[in-house]
Every structure is written in structure tokens, then in C-alpha cells.
Amino acid sequence: MCSLALAACSSSGSSGVPHPVHTTPPPATAPPATPTPTPAGDPIKHVVIIVQENRSFDNIFSGFPGADAPSYGYIGTRRVQLHATPLEQGYLSNNYINAIDSWDNGKMDDFDEAEPPSQHLPNLPYSYVTRSESAPYWSMAQQYVLADHMFPTEWGPSFTAHLNLIGGNTELIPGKVAEVDAPDQLPWECDAKTNTTTDTLNSAGQEDDNGPFPCFTQFRTLADTLDAAGVSWKYYSPSVFTGGLGGQAWSEFGAIKKVRYGPDWAKVVSPETTVLSDIPAGKLPGVSWVIPDLANSDHPGSGSNTGPSWVASVVNAVGTSSYWNSTAIVIVWDDWGGWYDDLVPPQLDFRGLGIRVPCIVVSPYARETSPKQTGYVSHTQYEFGSVLAFVEDTFHLPFLGTVGEGYTDARANSLSDVFDFGQKPRAFRRIDAPKSQDYFLREIPSGRPPDDD
């Protein structure tokens, strides 16, 4: 613990390193499309990052034309056909050990171990979301960009995934010890009970459940570089009620001490549906993170199938506003949730990469295929640091740190190659969905976190 504390103190004051804007990405599993030069006066002024819960790529996009998305998987050497399962059904274990077991040293054949035996739903991990429920996601992918090589930075569930989506790093001792899984009780932040501990992982793959209190000083985040550059940002998050503590914003920035107890905490906005009123009111910041209520999160076992409509409502709000021609929307799922995926994740360090998740990019400048205004499938290797790298490209920000310090924005392919800034911005077409914006503005919050494991 002393060494962890020393690591925290030694790194917290470092400054970011210069970021090469719109450069050619490093080598990937498939060659990225050549980015078109950004015109004078970069058209992207707003980046909206919508984060959903616990779905693998194959679970939502199995069978999608042009994507690596087969309709079958393997349990050991036995080939099994993927089957349709309602979005709201079932629950799967998705901690670090479950990811490692499912991966099985690259065989991708042991996902059945993630299903609790009590469910009695045969081969539940080997299924895809019923097409009628995933239709809004397919509609977005068919019109814009679907990235079929997006990987979480790390094995395991939501806590570390969200850390990587704001800061690109979970390493407490660079190259040796990182956060893994989640704190041992809610809330997962500086307001946690004083006896709260986190789980850690060392470079030998060993876990320890006596990690530091979840109020970090050792991680730089985009809050630091956005603030320094004068770029506005907000983190739209649901309120949750845990342990008699009253309403807490389910925000990963709540685990960053500088944000939680500083002026930036005013930029963490609850309820998350505020984004739907901010957009028509002309209050959309430069960078937004949008985190769902449990009911709208796509989390398995939530008992609700409104997640695709929730995402469509945010996309439609932007698309029908004055912000459309200056916005890029990145939709990503925070972890694989225990569902089958066929693509072997590249191993870049002891943290991962983790099991593949879907990623959709919606923008008037999203790259097109022929015929015009049809979706483009990107096979470039991305990770969560790619989302940060795109924000850095867009707003000319420095990297958060070096690869040696564990910062993945410095190594990741930017999402910039899925855009064609030379094309005329396309007109927005509304995404059809069962629930409207009004439904979410009137919805009574569940008070439950989108993920608690």
C-alpha cells in the first residue's frame, strides 16, 4: 500500500505530452482508411460520447454485412449457432476472471462458464439481441460508421472501463499494478464508505482485493486538458441511491479527487436526461459523456429494453438541432458483459485488450461507401484510448501522458480515420425507435446504477 501511495504522489503533478494532431495512426490489425485532411476551421466542435452497458460486438451485430460478425461460436471444439435472446433477459458474470476464462488463451471457446447455473437458459452467452430490439443500432450503423475492431483497454467490467473512457489509464504502479474489476461496495467514488477497497491486478495476472480507496490522485483525465485549453465539457449521469447516502451521481469523475472536490464537479450533471433539454437550449458543451439510467443501459437482466430508444433519442436530439453540422457522436459499450465474441483481442499489456465491444460513430462527416450515404465498416484496431485520442485530435490537446506511464491515448489509433471532412455534410435522417425523447424526459429515474459489479 505504501508503494501505491508513493506512485500516486509521484505521478499526479506531471503534465501531458504534445499530441500530434491528425497524424497517420500506428499499425493496426487492418489498415485504416486514409484520413482526409481537416479543412481550415475544423468542422467538429462538439463530441458526444454515449456509453452503454455490457454487450459484445457479436451480441448486437451478429450477421451485419461487411463486419466480422459470424452467426455461430464455439464451446470447446463444439460449434454452436447463436440464437436470438430478448435484450432484457438473463444475467452473465463479467469480472476479470470471467473474461480470462472466456478468452481461453485466444481460443474464444469458454463463454458458457459466465452463465450462473441458476438461470437454466441453455447457452445464453451464445446469443444475439433480438433484431427488432436492436433495430435502432442497426439503423445507425447502416447509415454511418460501425467499428468492428473496438476493444476495451482492460479485461473486466464497468469501473475500469469508465476510468479508461475519461483518462485512458488504470495503472497505479506503471507496468506493474493496475485497478481491476470494481470497489467492494457502492458508491464507487470519493464519497464511498471509509472501509471501501478496490481490486488490483499485477503484471503476473494476480488479483488483490485490498487495493486503495476509490478517490484517485494519480490519474490525469480529459478534465485536465480540456480545462487547460478552455474547452467546455459535461458528464451527464444518473442519480443513484445507495447505502442510505441519498442521491449520488453515478460518475467516474466522482472517483477523481481533483474533480469531486473541485469546481469541475459542477460539470457532472444529473439527471442524465438533462442532455435532451440542453441540446435545444443551445447548451451542448464541447465534449459530453452521456451515461444511462439502469433501465436504459442495455445491461442484461435490467428488465427493460429501452436502451436503443434512449441512444436514438440523444442522436435524434443532436441531428435535429443546430449542432448537427458540427458534431461527432461516438456510441460505445463499456464491456462485453459475458456475451460471446469471436474476435481474439490483441494483448498489448497485462491489462488487455479486453473482449470486443460495439462502436458506432454518427456524424454528417462520417465516412460513406458507395452508393452514397450508406454505412461504412471500419476494421481499424481501436481501444478506449482511441476515443480520447479523437477528442485530443479535435481540440488540439496534448496526450494525457506516455505509454510508459500507462496512458493509452498515446498508443491508440484515433477515430479520426472514420471521417471524410472533404465530403459535403449529409442531411440528418431521424432514427426510428419505439420510445421518443418525451418518454425519457417524463421517465421516473430508477435510482439504481447502470452497473454495480
Protein backbone atom coordinates (compact mmCIF):
# COMPACT_ATOMS: atom_id res chain seq x y z
CA MET A 1 0.00 0.00 0.00
CA CYS A 2 2.88 2.38 0.72
CA SER A 3 4.24 1.81 -2.76
CA LEU A 4 0.82 2.54 -4.27
CA ALA A 5 0.63 5.80 -2.35
CA LEU A 6 4.10 6.80 -3.48
CA ALA A 7 3.16 6.05 -7.07
CA ALA A 8 0.11 8.26 -6.70
CA CYS A 9 2.14 11.17 -5.33
CA SER A 10 4.93 10.87 -7.86
CA SER A 11 2.70 11.00 -10.94
CA SER A 12 -0.12 13.32 -10.02
CA GLY A 13 1.69 16.52 -10.89
CA SER A 14 3.02 15.58 -14.31
CA SER A 15 1.87 17.49 -17.34
CA GLY A 16 0.61 16.00 -20.58
CA VAL A 17 2.86 15.48 -23.58
CA PRO A 18 2.34 17.07 -27.00
CA HIS A 19 -0.23 15.40 -29.22
CA PRO A 20 0.45 15.01 -32.96
CA VAL A 21 -2.82 16.19 -34.48
CA HIS A 22 -4.35 14.19 -37.38
CA THR A 23 -1.25 12.06 -37.95
CA THR A 24 -1.21 8.63 -39.55
CA PRO A 25 -2.16 6.06 -36.88
CA PRO A 26 0.26 3.30 -35.85
CA PRO A 27 -0.12 -0.17 -37.41
CA ALA A 28 -3.43 -1.93 -36.74
CA THR A 29 -4.95 -5.35 -37.40
CA ALA A 30 -6.33 -3.95 -40.66
CA PRO A 31 -5.07 -0.86 -42.49
CA PRO A 32 -7.12 2.18 -41.51
CA ALA A 33 -8.74 4.29 -44.16
CA THR A 34 -6.57 7.25 -45.07
CA PRO A 35 -7.83 10.27 -43.12
CA THR A 36 -8.79 13.21 -45.30
CA PRO A 37 -7.12 16.49 -44.36
CA THR A 38 -9.13 18.53 -41.90
CA PRO A 39 -10.24 21.73 -43.65
CA ALA A 40 -9.37 25.13 -42.30
CA GLY A 41 -11.71 25.68 -39.41
CA ASP A 42 -12.22 22.08 -38.22
CA PRO A 43 -15.97 21.40 -38.62
CA ILE A 44 -16.20 19.27 -35.48
CA LYS A 45 -16.82 21.49 -32.46
CA HIS A 46 -18.74 19.01 -30.30
CA VAL A 47 -18.03 15.39 -29.39
CA VAL A 48 -20.77 13.39 -27.65
CA ILE A 49 -19.65 10.10 -26.08
CA ILE A 50 -22.63 7.85 -25.31
CA VAL A 51 -21.69 4.91 -23.08
CA GLN A 52 -23.93 1.84 -22.87
CA GLU A 53 -23.54 -1.34 -20.82
CA ASN A 54 -22.33 -4.90 -21.18
CA ARG A 55 -22.65 -6.08 -24.76
CA SER A 56 -20.16 -7.79 -27.05
CA PHE A 57 -19.97 -6.92 -30.73
CA ASP A 58 -21.40 -10.27 -31.84
CA ASN A 59 -24.25 -9.94 -29.33
CA ILE A 60 -25.62 -6.86 -31.11
CA PHE A 61 -24.22 -7.09 -34.64
CA SER A 62 -24.01 -10.81 -35.46
CA GLY A 63 -24.66 -11.10 -39.19
CA PHE A 64 -24.07 -7.43 -40.00
CA PRO A 65 -22.98 -7.19 -43.68
CA GLY A 66 -19.29 -6.47 -44.14
CA ALA A 67 -18.43 -6.83 -40.44
CA ASP A 68 -16.54 -9.58 -38.63
CA ALA A 69 -19.73 -10.88 -37.03
CA PRO A 70 -20.40 -14.61 -37.51
CA SER A 71 -23.67 -16.33 -36.64
CA TYR A 72 -22.00 -19.13 -34.66
CA GLY A 73 -19.46 -19.68 -31.90
CA TYR A 74 -17.62 -22.44 -30.12
CA ILE A 75 -17.88 -24.20 -26.79
CA GLY A 76 -14.60 -26.06 -26.74
CA THR A 77 -14.48 -27.69 -30.17
CA ARG A 78 -18.28 -27.84 -30.50
CA ARG A 79 -19.74 -25.32 -32.92
CA VAL A 80 -22.98 -23.72 -31.72
CA GLN A 81 -25.38 -21.47 -33.58
CA LEU A 82 -26.02 -18.08 -32.00
CA HIS A 83 -29.69 -17.63 -31.13
CA ALA A 84 -31.92 -14.60 -30.56
CA THR A 85 -32.50 -13.53 -26.96
CA PRO A 86 -34.53 -10.53 -25.72
CA LEU A 87 -32.38 -7.56 -24.71
CA GLU A 88 -33.75 -7.53 -21.16
CA GLN A 89 -33.29 -11.23 -20.46
CA GLY A 90 -30.64 -13.07 -18.45
CA TYR A 91 -27.56 -12.12 -16.50
CA LEU A 92 -23.91 -13.07 -17.07
CA SER A 93 -20.84 -12.81 -14.87
CA ASN A 94 -18.28 -10.42 -16.33
CA ASN A 95 -15.38 -9.90 -13.95
CA TYR A 96 -11.70 -10.20 -14.84
CA ILE A 97 -11.60 -13.95 -14.28
CA ASN A 98 -14.68 -14.49 -16.47
CA ALA A 99 -13.03 -12.59 -19.30
CA ILE A 100 -9.84 -14.60 -18.98
CA ASP A 101 -11.78 -17.88 -18.92
CA SER A 102 -13.85 -16.91 -21.98
CA TRP A 103 -10.76 -15.78 -23.89
CA ASP A 104 -9.06 -19.11 -23.07
CA ASN A 105 -5.64 -18.08 -24.39
CA GLY A 106 -7.12 -16.89 -27.65
CA LYS A 107 -9.40 -19.87 -28.33
CA MET A 108 -12.54 -17.81 -27.58
CA ASP A 109 -14.40 -21.01 -26.68
CA ASP A 110 -15.34 -20.94 -22.99
CA PHE A 111 -18.07 -18.30 -22.67
CA ASP A 112 -20.61 -20.76 -21.26
CA GLU A 113 -18.88 -20.54 -17.86
CA ALA A 114 -20.14 -16.94 -17.50
CA GLU A 115 -23.77 -18.01 -17.02
CA PRO A 116 -24.88 -18.62 -13.42
CA PRO A 117 -26.28 -22.19 -13.26
CA SER A 118 -29.45 -20.97 -11.54
CA GLN A 119 -30.75 -19.31 -14.72
CA HIS A 120 -31.36 -22.50 -16.71
CA LEU A 121 -31.12 -20.66 -20.03
CA PRO A 122 -29.14 -23.00 -22.28
CA ASN A 123 -26.16 -21.38 -24.00
CA LEU A 124 -27.32 -17.88 -23.03
CA PRO A 125 -23.87 -16.32 -23.69
CA TYR A 126 -24.09 -17.63 -27.26
CA SER A 127 -26.91 -15.37 -28.35
CA TYR A 128 -27.61 -12.09 -30.05
CA VAL A 129 -30.12 -9.36 -29.23
CA THR A 130 -33.47 -9.87 -30.94
CA ARG A 131 -33.31 -7.93 -34.20
CA SER A 132 -36.49 -5.96 -33.57
CA GLU A 133 -34.94 -4.61 -30.34
CA SER A 134 -31.51 -3.81 -31.78
CA ALA A 135 -33.04 -2.17 -34.89
CA PRO A 136 -32.14 1.44 -33.91
CA TYR A 137 -28.47 0.42 -33.54
CA TRP A 138 -28.51 -1.33 -36.91
CA SER A 139 -30.10 1.74 -38.49
CA MET A 140 -27.31 3.98 -37.18
CA ALA A 141 -24.63 1.53 -38.33
CA GLN A 142 -26.22 1.19 -41.78
CA GLN A 143 -26.20 4.96 -42.28
CA TYR A 144 -22.93 5.96 -40.61
CA VAL A 145 -19.85 4.08 -39.31
CA LEU A 146 -19.66 0.77 -37.50
CA ALA A 147 -16.25 -0.02 -35.99
CA ASP A 148 -15.87 -3.79 -35.72
CA HIS A 149 -12.44 -3.80 -34.00
CA MET A 150 -13.13 -1.75 -30.85
CA PHE A 151 -11.69 -3.28 -27.68
CA PRO A 152 -11.88 -2.17 -24.06
CA THR A 153 -8.46 -1.28 -22.74
CA GLU A 154 -8.76 -3.82 -19.95
CA TRP A 155 -10.24 -7.18 -19.07
CA GLY A 156 -13.27 -6.92 -16.79
CA PRO A 157 -16.32 -4.77 -16.08
CA SER A 158 -17.53 -1.19 -15.83
CA PHE A 159 -15.41 0.55 -13.18
CA THR A 160 -12.10 0.32 -15.01
CA ALA A 161 -13.82 0.74 -18.38
CA HIS A 162 -15.20 4.12 -17.34
CA LEU A 163 -11.83 5.15 -15.90
CA ASN A 164 -10.32 4.45 -19.30
CA LEU A 165 -13.05 6.44 -21.05
CA ILE A 166 -12.17 9.59 -19.10
CA GLY A 167 -8.44 9.11 -18.52
CA GLY A 168 -7.08 6.24 -20.58
CA ASN A 169 -5.28 4.71 -17.60
CA THR A 170 -5.80 2.45 -14.59
CA GLU A 171 -2.16 1.77 -13.65
CA LEU A 172 -1.31 2.54 -10.02
CA ILE A 173 2.30 1.49 -10.49
CA PRO A 174 3.14 1.81 -14.20
CA GLY A 175 3.74 -1.55 -15.82
CA LYS A 176 3.23 -3.41 -12.55
CA VAL A 177 -0.13 -2.82 -10.79
CA ALA A 178 -3.49 -1.61 -12.11
CA GLU A 179 -7.06 -1.28 -10.94
CA VAL A 180 -9.30 -4.20 -11.95
CA ASP A 181 -12.96 -5.16 -11.50
CA ALA A 182 -14.76 -2.78 -9.08
CA PRO A 183 -14.64 -1.45 -5.49
CA ASP A 184 -16.12 -3.83 -2.93
CA GLN A 185 -19.22 -1.69 -2.29
CA LEU A 186 -21.18 1.22 -3.72
CA PRO A 187 -20.71 4.08 -4.27
CA TRP A 188 -17.55 3.67 -6.34
CA GLU A 189 -16.12 7.10 -5.63
CA CYS A 190 -14.65 9.55 -3.16
CA ASP A 191 -17.94 9.53 -1.21
CA ALA A 192 -17.60 5.80 -0.54
CA LYS A 193 -17.66 4.38 2.97
CA THR A 194 -14.26 4.72 4.63
CA ASN A 195 -13.64 0.96 4.65
CA THR A 196 -14.12 0.64 0.87
CA THR A 197 -11.29 -1.06 -1.02
CA THR A 198 -10.62 -1.69 -4.68
CA ASP A 199 -9.30 -4.72 -6.54
CA THR A 200 -5.92 -4.61 -8.22
CA LEU A 201 -4.13 -6.73 -10.79
CA ASN A 202 -0.38 -7.17 -11.07
CA SER A 203 1.67 -7.88 -14.17
CA ALA A 204 1.77 -11.58 -13.28
CA GLY A 205 -2.02 -11.75 -13.54
CA GLN A 206 -2.60 -11.97 -9.78
CA GLU A 207 -5.53 -10.15 -8.15
CA ASP A 208 -5.58 -8.45 -4.75
CA ASP A 209 -8.78 -7.25 -3.08
CA ASN A 210 -7.02 -4.81 -0.74
CA GLY A 211 -6.40 -2.01 -3.21
CA PRO A 212 -6.61 1.72 -2.48
CA PHE A 213 -9.73 3.71 -1.60
CA PRO A 214 -11.53 4.83 -4.82
CA CYS A 215 -10.58 8.51 -4.67
CA PHE A 216 -7.65 8.77 -7.05
CA THR A 217 -4.98 11.43 -7.40
CA GLN A 218 -2.66 9.54 -9.74
CA PHE A 219 -4.69 9.69 -12.95
CA ARG A 220 -4.80 12.66 -15.29
CA THR A 221 -8.04 12.84 -17.21
CA LEU A 222 -9.52 14.78 -20.09
CA ALA A 223 -10.89 17.19 -17.47
CA ASP A 224 -7.30 18.42 -17.01
CA THR A 225 -6.51 19.00 -20.67
CA LEU A 226 -9.96 20.27 -21.65
CA ASP A 227 -9.89 22.79 -18.79
CA ALA A 228 -6.38 23.93 -19.71
CA ALA A 229 -7.47 24.51 -23.32
CA GLY A 230 -10.68 26.30 -22.33
CA VAL A 231 -12.90 23.61 -23.88
CA SER A 232 -16.26 23.16 -22.16
CA TRP A 233 -17.41 19.71 -21.03
CA LYS A 234 -20.14 17.94 -19.10
CA TYR A 235 -20.65 14.44 -17.76
CA TYR A 236 -24.37 13.63 -17.88
CA SER A 237 -25.03 10.89 -15.34
CA PRO A 238 -27.95 9.29 -13.48
CA SER A 239 -28.59 9.75 -9.78
CA VAL A 240 -28.45 6.57 -7.71
CA PHE A 241 -29.44 5.82 -4.14
CA THR A 242 -27.07 3.59 -2.19
CA GLY A 243 -26.49 2.71 1.43
CA GLY A 244 -28.78 5.41 2.79
CA LEU A 245 -26.43 8.09 1.45
CA GLY A 246 -29.10 9.72 -0.68
CA GLY A 247 -28.65 10.71 -4.30
CA GLN A 248 -25.20 10.19 -5.83
CA ALA A 249 -24.23 10.91 -9.41
CA TRP A 250 -23.04 7.64 -10.97
CA SER A 251 -19.98 9.31 -12.43
CA GLU A 252 -16.46 8.01 -12.87
CA PHE A 253 -15.28 11.56 -12.23
CA GLY A 254 -16.58 11.03 -8.70
CA ALA A 255 -13.56 8.79 -8.17
CA ILE A 256 -11.13 11.53 -9.27
CA LYS A 257 -10.38 13.60 -6.16
CA LYS A 258 -9.48 16.79 -8.03
CA VAL A 259 -12.85 16.76 -9.83
CA ARG A 260 -15.02 15.50 -6.98
CA TYR A 261 -13.85 18.21 -4.56
CA GLY A 262 -13.15 20.97 -7.05
CA PRO A 263 -15.09 23.37 -9.26
CA ASP A 264 -15.33 20.79 -12.05
CA TRP A 265 -17.87 18.83 -10.03
CA ALA A 266 -20.47 21.34 -11.27
CA LYS A 267 -19.90 19.87 -14.74
CA VAL A 268 -21.18 16.46 -13.58
CA VAL A 269 -24.87 16.87 -14.35
CA SER A 270 -27.80 14.78 -13.08
CA PRO A 271 -30.20 13.59 -14.23
CA GLU A 272 -28.63 12.37 -17.43
CA THR A 273 -31.78 13.34 -19.36
CA THR A 274 -30.63 16.97 -18.99
CA VAL A 275 -28.72 16.40 -22.22
CA LEU A 276 -32.07 16.24 -24.05
CA SER A 277 -33.03 19.71 -22.83
CA ASP A 278 -29.50 21.19 -23.10
CA ILE A 279 -29.32 20.46 -26.83
CA PRO A 280 -32.35 22.51 -27.99
CA ALA A 281 -31.47 25.19 -25.42
CA GLY A 282 -28.06 25.72 -27.06
CA LYS A 283 -26.13 24.44 -24.02
CA LEU A 284 -24.27 21.48 -25.50
CA PRO A 285 -20.61 21.68 -24.41
CA GLY A 286 -17.55 20.86 -26.47
CA VAL A 287 -17.30 17.35 -25.01
CA SER A 288 -20.09 15.36 -23.39
CA TRP A 289 -20.21 11.95 -21.77
CA VAL A 290 -23.74 10.53 -21.58
CA ILE A 291 -24.32 7.72 -19.05
CA PRO A 292 -27.71 5.94 -18.87
CA ASP A 293 -30.09 5.03 -16.10
CA LEU A 294 -30.11 1.27 -15.49
CA ALA A 295 -33.44 0.93 -17.30
CA ASN A 296 -31.95 2.42 -20.48
CA SER A 297 -28.47 0.91 -20.25
CA ASP A 298 -28.75 -2.36 -22.22
CA HIS A 299 -27.49 -4.13 -19.08
CA PRO A 300 -28.51 -7.81 -19.08
CA GLY A 301 -31.19 -8.59 -16.54
CA SER A 302 -32.35 -4.98 -16.23
CA GLY A 303 -35.89 -5.99 -17.14
CA SER A 304 -36.03 -3.19 -19.71
CA ASN A 305 -35.38 -2.95 -23.44
CA THR A 306 -35.41 0.85 -23.83
CA GLY A 307 -31.64 1.27 -24.27
CA PRO A 308 -31.71 1.51 -28.08
CA SER A 309 -34.50 4.09 -27.88
CA TRP A 310 -32.50 6.09 -25.30
CA VAL A 311 -29.50 6.26 -27.59
CA ALA A 312 -31.68 7.11 -30.57
CA SER A 313 -33.30 9.94 -28.58
CA VAL A 314 -29.90 11.57 -27.95
CA VAL A 315 -28.82 11.08 -31.56
CA ASN A 316 -32.13 12.49 -32.83
CA ALA A 317 -31.85 15.47 -30.48
CA VAL A 318 -28.44 16.34 -31.95
CA GLY A 319 -29.46 15.51 -35.51
CA THR A 320 -32.48 17.81 -35.48
CA SER A 321 -30.64 20.69 -33.80
CA SER A 322 -28.31 23.44 -34.93
CA TYR A 323 -25.43 21.30 -33.62
CA TRP A 324 -25.71 18.59 -36.28
CA ASN A 325 -23.15 20.00 -38.75
CA SER A 326 -20.54 20.47 -36.02
CA THR A 327 -20.91 17.26 -34.00
CA ALA A 328 -19.47 13.75 -33.86
CA ILE A 329 -21.33 11.18 -31.74
CA VAL A 330 -19.42 8.13 -30.51
CA ILE A 331 -21.55 5.28 -29.14
CA VAL A 332 -19.66 2.58 -27.27
CA TRP A 333 -20.46 -0.21 -24.82
CA ASP A 334 -18.28 -0.31 -21.72
CA ASP A 335 -17.61 -4.07 -21.60
CA TRP A 336 -18.62 -7.35 -23.24
CA GLY A 337 -20.95 -8.37 -20.41
CA GLY A 338 -20.16 -12.09 -20.66
CA TRP A 339 -21.59 -12.48 -24.18
CA TYR A 340 -19.82 -14.50 -26.86
CA ASP A 341 -17.47 -12.76 -29.27
CA ASP A 342 -15.31 -14.44 -31.89
CA LEU A 343 -12.55 -11.87 -32.41
CA VAL A 344 -9.34 -12.54 -30.46
CA PRO A 345 -8.33 -9.35 -28.59
CA PRO A 346 -4.69 -8.31 -29.14
CA GLN A 347 -2.70 -8.35 -25.90
CA LEU A 348 -0.88 -5.02 -25.58
CA ASP A 349 -0.01 -5.23 -21.86
CA PHE A 350 -1.04 -7.08 -18.70
CA ARG A 351 -4.36 -5.23 -18.60
CA GLY A 352 -5.64 -6.37 -22.00
CA LEU A 353 -7.03 -5.52 -24.52
CA GLY A 354 -10.35 -6.91 -23.36
CA ILE A 355 -13.13 -8.65 -25.27
CA ARG A 356 -14.52 -6.68 -28.23
CA VAL A 357 -17.49 -4.32 -27.91
CA PRO A 358 -19.60 -2.44 -30.49
CA CYS A 359 -18.82 1.13 -31.52
CA ILE A 360 -20.91 3.36 -33.79
CA VAL A 361 -19.86 6.82 -35.00
CA VAL A 362 -22.62 9.18 -36.15
CA SER A 363 -21.75 12.45 -37.86
CA PRO A 364 -22.52 14.38 -41.06
CA TYR A 365 -18.86 13.75 -41.92
CA ALA A 366 -18.91 10.00 -41.19
CA ARG A 367 -17.16 8.15 -44.00
CA GLU A 368 -19.52 6.74 -46.65
CA THR A 369 -19.42 3.79 -49.00
CA SER A 370 -20.89 3.57 -52.48
CA PRO A 371 -23.74 4.19 -53.08
CA LYS A 372 -23.59 7.42 -51.14
CA GLN A 373 -24.99 7.76 -47.64
CA THR A 374 -24.69 4.08 -46.77
CA GLY A 375 -22.75 2.85 -43.79
CA TYR A 376 -19.03 2.23 -43.64
CA VAL A 377 -17.49 -0.61 -41.62
CA SER A 378 -14.10 0.28 -40.16
CA HIS A 379 -11.74 -2.63 -39.47
CA THR A 380 -9.11 -0.43 -37.81
CA GLN A 381 -8.00 -1.66 -34.38
CA TYR A 382 -9.36 0.72 -31.76
CA GLU A 383 -9.42 0.75 -27.99
CA PHE A 384 -10.98 3.12 -25.46
CA GLY A 385 -7.88 5.31 -25.75
CA SER A 386 -8.95 5.86 -29.38
CA VAL A 387 -11.97 7.82 -28.18
CA LEU A 388 -9.70 10.05 -26.10
CA ALA A 389 -7.25 10.39 -28.98
CA PHE A 390 -10.07 11.60 -31.24
CA VAL A 391 -11.08 14.23 -28.68
CA GLU A 392 -7.43 15.28 -28.48
CA ASP A 393 -7.18 15.49 -32.27
CA THR A 394 -10.37 17.52 -32.49
CA PHE A 395 -9.45 20.09 -29.85
CA HIS A 396 -5.66 20.03 -30.36
CA LEU A 397 -4.93 18.71 -26.88
CA PRO A 398 -1.78 17.00 -25.62
CA PHE A 399 -1.67 13.34 -24.71
CA LEU A 400 -2.53 12.72 -21.07
CA GLY A 401 0.84 11.06 -20.56
CA THR A 402 3.20 8.50 -22.03
CA VAL A 403 2.70 4.84 -22.83
CA GLY A 404 5.32 4.08 -20.17
CA GLU A 405 3.05 5.71 -17.59
CA GLY A 406 0.15 3.56 -18.78
CA TYR A 407 -1.73 6.21 -20.80
CA THR A 408 -3.36 4.51 -23.77
CA ASP A 409 -4.35 7.64 -25.73
CA ALA A 410 -0.65 7.89 -26.59
CA ARG A 411 -0.64 4.49 -28.36
CA ALA A 412 -4.20 4.17 -29.70
CA ASN A 413 -5.39 4.70 -33.26
CA SER A 414 -7.55 7.82 -33.28
CA LEU A 415 -11.10 7.52 -34.58
CA SER A 416 -10.25 10.34 -37.00
CA ASP A 417 -9.90 7.90 -39.91
CA VAL A 418 -13.66 7.15 -39.96
CA PHE A 419 -14.38 10.71 -41.08
CA ASP A 420 -14.24 12.30 -44.51
CA PHE A 421 -14.03 16.04 -43.96
CA GLY A 422 -13.86 16.58 -47.70
CA GLN A 423 -17.42 15.44 -48.25
CA LYS A 424 -20.45 17.69 -48.09
CA PRO A 425 -22.10 17.29 -44.67
CA ARG A 426 -25.04 14.96 -45.14
CA ALA A 427 -28.55 15.80 -44.01
CA PHE A 428 -29.75 14.03 -40.89
CA ARG A 429 -32.38 11.29 -41.12
CA ARG A 430 -34.25 10.56 -37.89
CA ILE A 431 -33.54 7.20 -36.27
CA ASP A 432 -36.78 5.29 -35.75
CA ALA A 433 -37.22 3.89 -32.24
CA PRO A 434 -40.14 2.64 -30.11
CA LYS A 435 -39.68 5.34 -27.43
CA SER A 436 -39.44 9.07 -28.03
CA GLN A 437 -37.47 11.85 -26.32
CA ASP A 438 -40.59 12.79 -24.39
CA TYR A 439 -40.72 9.30 -22.88
CA PHE A 440 -37.28 9.76 -21.33
CA LEU A 441 -37.93 13.31 -20.17
CA ARG A 442 -41.01 12.05 -18.32
CA GLU A 443 -39.44 8.80 -17.09
CA ILE A 444 -39.14 8.32 -13.33
CA PRO A 445 -35.47 7.52 -12.54
CA SER A 446 -34.86 4.00 -11.26
CA GLY A 447 -32.38 5.22 -8.62
CA ARG A 448 -30.20 2.22 -9.50
CA PRO A 449 -26.75 2.39 -11.09
CA PRO A 450 -26.40 1.17 -14.67
CA ASP A 451 -23.92 -1.38 -13.33
CA ASP A 452 -22.96 -2.44 -9.83
CA ASP A 453 -20.46 -5.25 -10.42
